[in-house]
Amino acid sequence: MQLDMFIDEADDTRRATTGCVVAFDLETQHSFEEVGGRGNMDKLKVSVAVVGNLDHGTYTSYREAEMGALVEDLFAAKRVVGFNTLGFDYAVLAAYTDRNLKRLASLDILQEIHRELGYRVSLDKVAAATLGSHKSGHGLEAIEWYRSGEWEKLIRYCTDDVRLTADLYRFGRDNGHLFYLNRWGEKARVNVSW
């Protein structure tokens, strides 16, 4: 990660997201097991979120105390691109705002894939087949990094997921399809349109 392209949460010179396409991801403080299951997403709490501005090539991190700024930045964007944002990230973020996150101009890549295939595919399987890249960790590691105060690792991991999401968005936009590894580990194609 190029640090000159990254805007830390302590930097008050954030780039505006107004009218820009952004990619978004967040990590949580707790696991589903700790909060009593998927029905309690509002209890997971955000550890960190990252917004990648696809127009400017910058990445901004937000800690839990900055969720108000994050929500405003998301609403200022032209489009918010994510992977499972509608099924997960917005449900977690909703605990921090009264604004209706369903009103965001959103593109959920997982939802688009699910609509075409009829089942879900992980970010890692789509990124591996489409980009030749893998996720740099997993969500349970992110929880441990949060608890041990390893902010650099946590932010880097979340930023890596945002980069993968942004690259998948661009690939799908430019080519009209993505690839994924199916249940037999074979590379398969899924058509997309955005």
C-alpha atoms as a PDB file:
ATOM      1  CA  MET A   1       0.000   0.000   0.000  1.00  0.00           C
ATOM      2  CA  GLN A   2       1.365   3.385  -0.953  1.00  0.00           C
ATOM      3  CA  LEU A   3       1.135   5.488   2.171  1.00  0.00           C
ATOM      4  CA  ASP A   4       1.029   8.724   0.189  1.00  0.00           C
ATOM      5  CA  MET A   5      -2.240   7.484  -1.319  1.00  0.00           C
ATOM      6  CA  PHE A   6      -3.743   6.786   2.096  1.00  0.00           C
ATOM      7  CA  ILE A   7      -5.460   9.345   4.298  1.00  0.00           C
ATOM      8  CA  ASP A   8      -5.317   8.358   7.962  1.00  0.00           C
ATOM      9  CA  GLU A   9      -8.276   8.897  10.271  1.00  0.00           C
ATOM     10  CA  ALA A  10      -6.251  11.489  12.178  1.00  0.00           C
ATOM     11  CA  ASP A  11      -5.838  13.604   9.044  1.00  0.00           C
ATOM     12  CA  ASP A  12      -8.535  16.252   8.855  1.00  0.00           C
ATOM     13  CA  THR A  13      -7.827  16.928   5.178  1.00  0.00           C
ATOM     14  CA  ARG A  14     -10.024  14.109   3.865  1.00  0.00           C
ATOM     15  CA  ARG A  15     -10.759  14.182   0.166  1.00  0.00           C
ATOM     16  CA  ALA A  16     -14.393  14.911  -0.581  1.00  0.00           C
ATOM     17  CA  THR A  17     -16.459  12.018  -1.886  1.00  0.00           C
ATOM     18  CA  THR A  18     -19.039  14.321  -3.463  1.00  0.00           C
ATOM     19  CA  GLY A  19     -20.059  12.999  -6.848  1.00  0.00           C
ATOM     20  CA  CYS A  20     -17.422  10.230  -6.809  1.00  0.00           C
ATOM     21  CA  VAL A  21     -17.677   6.469  -7.082  1.00  0.00           C
ATOM     22  CA  VAL A  22     -16.348   4.903  -3.886  1.00  0.00           C
ATOM     23  CA  ALA A  23     -15.686   1.367  -2.677  1.00  0.00           C
ATOM     24  CA  PHE A  24     -16.486   0.597   0.951  1.00  0.00           C
ATOM     25  CA  ASP A  25     -15.886  -2.074   3.570  1.00  0.00           C
ATOM     26  CA  LEU A  26     -15.937  -2.305   7.351  1.00  0.00           C
ATOM     27  CA  GLU A  27     -14.636  -4.608  10.045  1.00  0.00           C
ATOM     28  CA  THR A  28     -16.294  -5.404  13.351  1.00  0.00           C
ATOM     29  CA  GLN A  29     -15.307  -5.574  16.992  1.00  0.00           C
ATOM     30  CA  HIS A  30     -17.239  -8.807  17.646  1.00  0.00           C
ATOM     31  CA  SER A  31     -18.059 -12.075  15.896  1.00  0.00           C
ATOM     32  CA  PHE A  32     -21.555 -13.414  15.234  1.00  0.00           C
ATOM     33  CA  GLU A  33     -20.984 -16.024  17.929  1.00  0.00           C
ATOM     34  CA  GLU A  34     -20.293 -13.319  20.518  1.00  0.00           C
ATOM     35  CA  VAL A  35     -23.481 -11.351  19.783  1.00  0.00           C
ATOM     36  CA  GLY A  36     -25.904 -14.264  19.513  1.00  0.00           C
ATOM     37  CA  GLY A  37     -26.000 -14.785  15.745  1.00  0.00           C
ATOM     38  CA  ARG A  38     -26.731 -13.004  12.488  1.00  0.00           C
ATOM     39  CA  GLY A  39     -29.955 -11.551  13.855  1.00  0.00           C
ATOM     40  CA  ASN A  40     -27.926  -9.171  16.029  1.00  0.00           C
ATOM     41  CA  MET A  41     -25.753  -7.389  13.488  1.00  0.00           C
ATOM     42  CA  ASP A  42     -26.400  -4.093  15.235  1.00  0.00           C
ATOM     43  CA  LYS A  43     -24.381  -5.434  18.192  1.00  0.00           C
ATOM     44  CA  LEU A  44     -21.255  -6.305  16.179  1.00  0.00           C
ATOM     45  CA  LYS A  45     -19.904  -2.708  16.393  1.00  0.00           C
ATOM     46  CA  VAL A  46     -17.527  -1.215  13.853  1.00  0.00           C
ATOM     47  CA  SER A  47     -13.798  -1.357  14.539  1.00  0.00           C
ATOM     48  CA  VAL A  48     -12.732   0.343  11.322  1.00  0.00           C
ATOM     49  CA  ALA A  49     -14.175   1.206   7.926  1.00  0.00           C
ATOM     50  CA  VAL A  50     -12.373   2.209   4.746  1.00  0.00           C
ATOM     51  CA  VAL A  51     -13.628   4.172   1.762  1.00  0.00           C
ATOM     52  CA  GLY A  52     -11.664   4.037  -1.460  1.00  0.00           C
ATOM     53  CA  ASN A  53     -12.304   6.969  -3.768  1.00  0.00           C
ATOM     54  CA  LEU A  54     -12.109   5.440  -7.248  1.00  0.00           C
ATOM     55  CA  ASP A  55     -11.942   8.872  -8.894  1.00  0.00           C
ATOM     56  CA  HIS A  56      -9.050  10.178  -6.790  1.00  0.00           C
ATOM     57  CA  GLY A  57      -7.241   6.941  -5.925  1.00  0.00           C
ATOM     58  CA  THR A  58      -7.272   7.661  -2.189  1.00  0.00           C
ATOM     59  CA  TYR A  59      -8.292   5.517   0.794  1.00  0.00           C
ATOM     60  CA  THR A  60      -9.727   6.946   3.985  1.00  0.00           C
ATOM     61  CA  SER A  61     -10.117   5.016   7.229  1.00  0.00           C
ATOM     62  CA  TYR A  62     -12.738   5.719   9.888  1.00  0.00           C
ATOM     63  CA  ARG A  63     -12.692   4.445  13.457  1.00  0.00           C
ATOM     64  CA  GLU A  64     -15.846   3.875  15.475  1.00  0.00           C
ATOM     65  CA  ALA A  65     -16.065   7.462  16.758  1.00  0.00           C
ATOM     66  CA  GLU A  66     -16.134   8.687  13.139  1.00  0.00           C
ATOM     67  CA  MET A  67     -19.202   6.807  11.916  1.00  0.00           C
ATOM     68  CA  GLY A  68     -21.134  10.062  11.485  1.00  0.00           C
ATOM     69  CA  ALA A  69     -18.494  11.349   9.057  1.00  0.00           C
ATOM     70  CA  LEU A  70     -18.470   8.000   7.267  1.00  0.00           C
ATOM     71  CA  VAL A  71     -22.235   8.060   6.749  1.00  0.00           C
ATOM     72  CA  GLU A  72     -22.076  11.629   5.387  1.00  0.00           C
ATOM     73  CA  ASP A  73     -19.243  10.695   3.037  1.00  0.00           C
ATOM     74  CA  LEU A  74     -21.190   7.686   1.752  1.00  0.00           C
ATOM     75  CA  PHE A  75     -24.279   9.797   1.109  1.00  0.00           C
ATOM     76  CA  ALA A  76     -22.164  12.386  -0.741  1.00  0.00           C
ATOM     77  CA  ALA A  77     -20.838   9.743  -3.150  1.00  0.00           C
ATOM     78  CA  LYS A  78     -22.253   9.189  -6.615  1.00  0.00           C
ATOM     79  CA  ARG A  79     -22.179   5.429  -6.035  1.00  0.00           C
ATOM     80  CA  VAL A  80     -21.092   3.174  -3.168  1.00  0.00           C
ATOM     81  CA  VAL A  81     -19.634  -0.122  -4.346  1.00  0.00           C
ATOM     82  CA  GLY A  82     -19.226  -3.008  -1.943  1.00  0.00           C
ATOM     83  CA  PHE A  83     -19.241  -6.766  -1.560  1.00  0.00           C
ATOM     84  CA  ASN A  84     -22.122  -7.865   0.675  1.00  0.00           C
ATOM     85  CA  THR A  85     -22.756  -4.283   1.765  1.00  0.00           C
ATOM     86  CA  LEU A  86     -26.521  -4.684   1.545  1.00  0.00           C
ATOM     87  CA  GLY A  87     -26.514  -7.925   3.526  1.00  0.00           C
ATOM     88  CA  PHE A  88     -23.872  -7.069   6.117  1.00  0.00           C
ATOM     89  CA  ASP A  89     -22.039  -3.727   6.185  1.00  0.00           C
ATOM     90  CA  TYR A  90     -25.135  -1.509   6.132  1.00  0.00           C
ATOM     91  CA  ALA A  91     -26.794  -3.638   8.827  1.00  0.00           C
ATOM     92  CA  VAL A  92     -23.781  -3.090  11.097  1.00  0.00           C
ATOM     93  CA  LEU A  93     -23.503   0.609  10.214  1.00  0.00           C
ATOM     94  CA  ALA A  94     -27.232   1.216  10.816  1.00  0.00           C
ATOM     95  CA  ALA A  95     -26.618   1.127  14.581  1.00  0.00           C
ATOM     96  CA  TYR A  96     -24.750   4.449  14.241  1.00  0.00           C
ATOM     97  CA  THR A  97     -27.242   6.505  12.261  1.00  0.00           C
ATOM     98  CA  ASP A  98     -30.908   7.357  11.859  1.00  0.00           C
ATOM     99  CA  ARG A  99     -30.419   7.823   8.103  1.00  0.00           C
ATOM    100  CA  ASN A 100     -31.862   5.159   5.841  1.00  0.00           C
ATOM    101  CA  LEU A 101     -28.808   3.462   4.327  1.00  0.00           C
ATOM    102  CA  LYS A 102     -31.052   1.767   1.748  1.00  0.00           C
ATOM    103  CA  ARG A 103     -31.291   5.193   0.111  1.00  0.00           C
ATOM    104  CA  LEU A 104     -27.587   5.160  -0.742  1.00  0.00           C
ATOM    105  CA  ALA A 105     -26.788   4.774  -4.433  1.00  0.00           C
ATOM    106  CA  SER A 106     -25.325   1.310  -3.913  1.00  0.00           C
ATOM    107  CA  LEU A 107     -23.924  -1.477  -6.021  1.00  0.00           C
ATOM    108  CA  ASP A 108     -23.427  -4.698  -4.088  1.00  0.00           C
ATOM    109  CA  ILE A 109     -21.261  -6.987  -6.227  1.00  0.00           C
ATOM    110  CA  LEU A 110     -22.283 -10.060  -4.220  1.00  0.00           C
ATOM    111  CA  GLN A 111     -25.966  -9.279  -4.760  1.00  0.00           C
ATOM    112  CA  GLU A 112     -25.366  -8.948  -8.510  1.00  0.00           C
ATOM    113  CA  ILE A 113     -23.562 -12.313  -8.596  1.00  0.00           C
ATOM    114  CA  HIS A 114     -26.270 -13.961  -6.474  1.00  0.00           C
ATOM    115  CA  ARG A 115     -28.961 -12.608  -8.792  1.00  0.00           C
ATOM    116  CA  GLU A 116     -27.226 -14.226 -11.772  1.00  0.00           C
ATOM    117  CA  LEU A 117     -26.127 -17.533 -10.200  1.00  0.00           C
ATOM    118  CA  GLY A 118     -28.768 -18.096  -7.532  1.00  0.00           C
ATOM    119  CA  TYR A 119     -26.157 -18.609  -4.811  1.00  0.00           C
ATOM    120  CA  ARG A 120     -23.438 -16.678  -3.016  1.00  0.00           C
ATOM    121  CA  VAL A 121     -19.719 -16.727  -3.811  1.00  0.00           C
ATOM    122  CA  SER A 122     -16.998 -15.363  -1.504  1.00  0.00           C
ATOM    123  CA  LEU A 123     -14.959 -12.265  -2.280  1.00  0.00           C
ATOM    124  CA  ASP A 124     -11.831 -14.403  -2.188  1.00  0.00           C
ATOM    125  CA  LYS A 125     -13.141 -16.838  -4.838  1.00  0.00           C
ATOM    126  CA  VAL A 126     -14.200 -14.012  -7.149  1.00  0.00           C
ATOM    127  CA  ALA A 127     -10.952 -12.067  -6.682  1.00  0.00           C
ATOM    128  CA  ALA A 128      -8.806 -15.177  -7.180  1.00  0.00           C
ATOM    129  CA  ALA A 129     -10.512 -16.133 -10.433  1.00  0.00           C
ATOM    130  CA  THR A 130     -10.934 -12.604 -11.826  1.00  0.00           C
ATOM    131  CA  LEU A 131      -7.846 -10.777 -10.607  1.00  0.00           C
ATOM    132  CA  GLY A 132      -5.448 -13.530  -9.595  1.00  0.00           C
ATOM    133  CA  SER A 133      -5.426 -12.009  -6.096  1.00  0.00           C
ATOM    134  CA  HIS A 134      -6.532 -13.295  -2.708  1.00  0.00           C
ATOM    135  CA  LYS A 135      -7.803 -11.622   0.433  1.00  0.00           C
ATOM    136  CA  SER A 136      -4.974 -10.775   2.815  1.00  0.00           C
ATOM    137  CA  GLY A 137      -6.739 -12.226   5.863  1.00  0.00           C
ATOM    138  CA  HIS A 138     -10.186 -12.946   7.284  1.00  0.00           C
ATOM    139  CA  GLY A 139     -12.692 -11.273   9.557  1.00  0.00           C
ATOM    140  CA  LEU A 140     -11.789 -13.172  12.727  1.00  0.00           C
ATOM    141  CA  GLU A 141      -8.175 -12.043  12.358  1.00  0.00           C
ATOM    142  CA  ALA A 142      -9.440  -8.468  12.031  1.00  0.00           C
ATOM    143  CA  ILE A 143     -11.268  -8.816  15.357  1.00  0.00           C
ATOM    144  CA  GLU A 144      -8.057  -9.993  17.015  1.00  0.00           C
ATOM    145  CA  TRP A 145      -6.070  -7.097  15.507  1.00  0.00           C
ATOM    146  CA  TYR A 146      -8.671  -4.682  16.866  1.00  0.00           C
ATOM    147  CA  ARG A 147      -8.490  -6.208  20.350  1.00  0.00           C
ATOM    148  CA  SER A 148      -4.711  -6.130  20.423  1.00  0.00           C
ATOM    149  CA  GLY A 149      -4.569  -2.553  19.126  1.00  0.00           C
ATOM    150  CA  GLU A 150      -2.836  -3.520  15.882  1.00  0.00           C
ATOM    151  CA  TRP A 151      -4.421  -0.690  13.919  1.00  0.00           C
ATOM    152  CA  GLU A 152      -1.968  -0.734  11.025  1.00  0.00           C
ATOM    153  CA  LYS A 153      -2.695  -4.426  10.288  1.00  0.00           C
ATOM    154  CA  LEU A 154      -6.433  -3.896  10.710  1.00  0.00           C
ATOM    155  CA  ILE A 155      -6.582  -0.855   8.423  1.00  0.00           C
ATOM    156  CA  ARG A 156      -4.330  -2.499   5.840  1.00  0.00           C
ATOM    157  CA  TYR A 157      -6.554  -5.604   5.771  1.00  0.00           C
ATOM    158  CA  CYS A 158      -9.738  -3.563   5.362  1.00  0.00           C
ATOM    159  CA  THR A 159      -8.063  -1.427   2.684  1.00  0.00           C
ATOM    160  CA  ASP A 160      -6.973  -4.562   0.831  1.00  0.00           C
ATOM    161  CA  ASP A 161     -10.607  -5.731   0.694  1.00  0.00           C
ATOM    162  CA  VAL A 162     -11.679  -2.302  -0.573  1.00  0.00           C
ATOM    163  CA  ARG A 163      -9.010  -2.493  -3.298  1.00  0.00           C
ATOM    164  CA  LEU A 164     -10.189  -5.934  -4.385  1.00  0.00           C
ATOM    165  CA  THR A 165     -13.768  -4.672  -4.489  1.00  0.00           C
ATOM    166  CA  ALA A 166     -12.781  -1.606  -6.526  1.00  0.00           C
ATOM    167  CA  ASP A 167     -10.783  -3.741  -8.973  1.00  0.00           C
ATOM    168  CA  LEU A 168     -13.698  -6.171  -9.383  1.00  0.00           C
ATOM    169  CA  TYR A 169     -16.045  -3.259 -10.010  1.00  0.00           C
ATOM    170  CA  ARG A 170     -13.746  -1.874 -12.725  1.00  0.00           C
ATOM    171  CA  PHE A 171     -13.254  -5.305 -14.320  1.00  0.00           C
ATOM    172  CA  GLY A 172     -17.001  -5.976 -14.400  1.00  0.00           C
ATOM    173  CA  ARG A 173     -17.754  -2.499 -15.726  1.00  0.00           C
ATOM    174  CA  ASP A 174     -15.181  -2.812 -18.502  1.00  0.00           C
ATOM    175  CA  ASN A 175     -15.794  -6.453 -19.477  1.00  0.00           C
ATOM    176  CA  GLY A 176     -19.437  -7.221 -18.626  1.00  0.00           C
ATOM    177  CA  HIS A 177     -18.494 -10.266 -16.572  1.00  0.00           C
ATOM    178  CA  LEU A 178     -16.482 -11.555 -13.626  1.00  0.00           C
ATOM    179  CA  PHE A 179     -14.973 -14.953 -12.918  1.00  0.00           C
ATOM    180  CA  TYR A 180     -15.269 -17.057  -9.779  1.00  0.00           C
ATOM    181  CA  LEU A 181     -14.114 -20.428  -8.494  1.00  0.00           C
ATOM    182  CA  ASN A 182     -17.092 -22.765  -8.380  1.00  0.00           C
ATOM    183  CA  ARG A 183     -17.686 -25.479  -5.786  1.00  0.00           C
ATOM    184  CA  TRP A 184     -15.317 -27.805  -7.665  1.00  0.00           C
ATOM    185  CA  GLY A 185     -12.561 -25.170  -7.692  1.00  0.00           C
ATOM    186  CA  GLU A 186     -12.982 -24.570 -11.415  1.00  0.00           C
ATOM    187  CA  LYS A 187     -12.928 -21.099 -12.952  1.00  0.00           C
ATOM    188  CA  ALA A 188     -16.383 -20.074 -14.148  1.00  0.00           C
ATOM    189  CA  ARG A 189     -17.847 -16.897 -15.626  1.00  0.00           C
ATOM    190  CA  VAL A 190     -20.740 -14.782 -14.400  1.00  0.00           C
ATOM    191  CA  ASN A 191     -22.186 -11.948 -16.460  1.00  0.00           C
ATOM    192  CA  VAL A 192     -22.660  -8.570 -14.787  1.00  0.00           C
ATOM    193  CA  SER A 193     -23.898  -5.187 -15.948  1.00  0.00           C
ATOM    194  CA  TRP A 194     -23.119  -1.946 -14.216  1.00  0.00           C
END
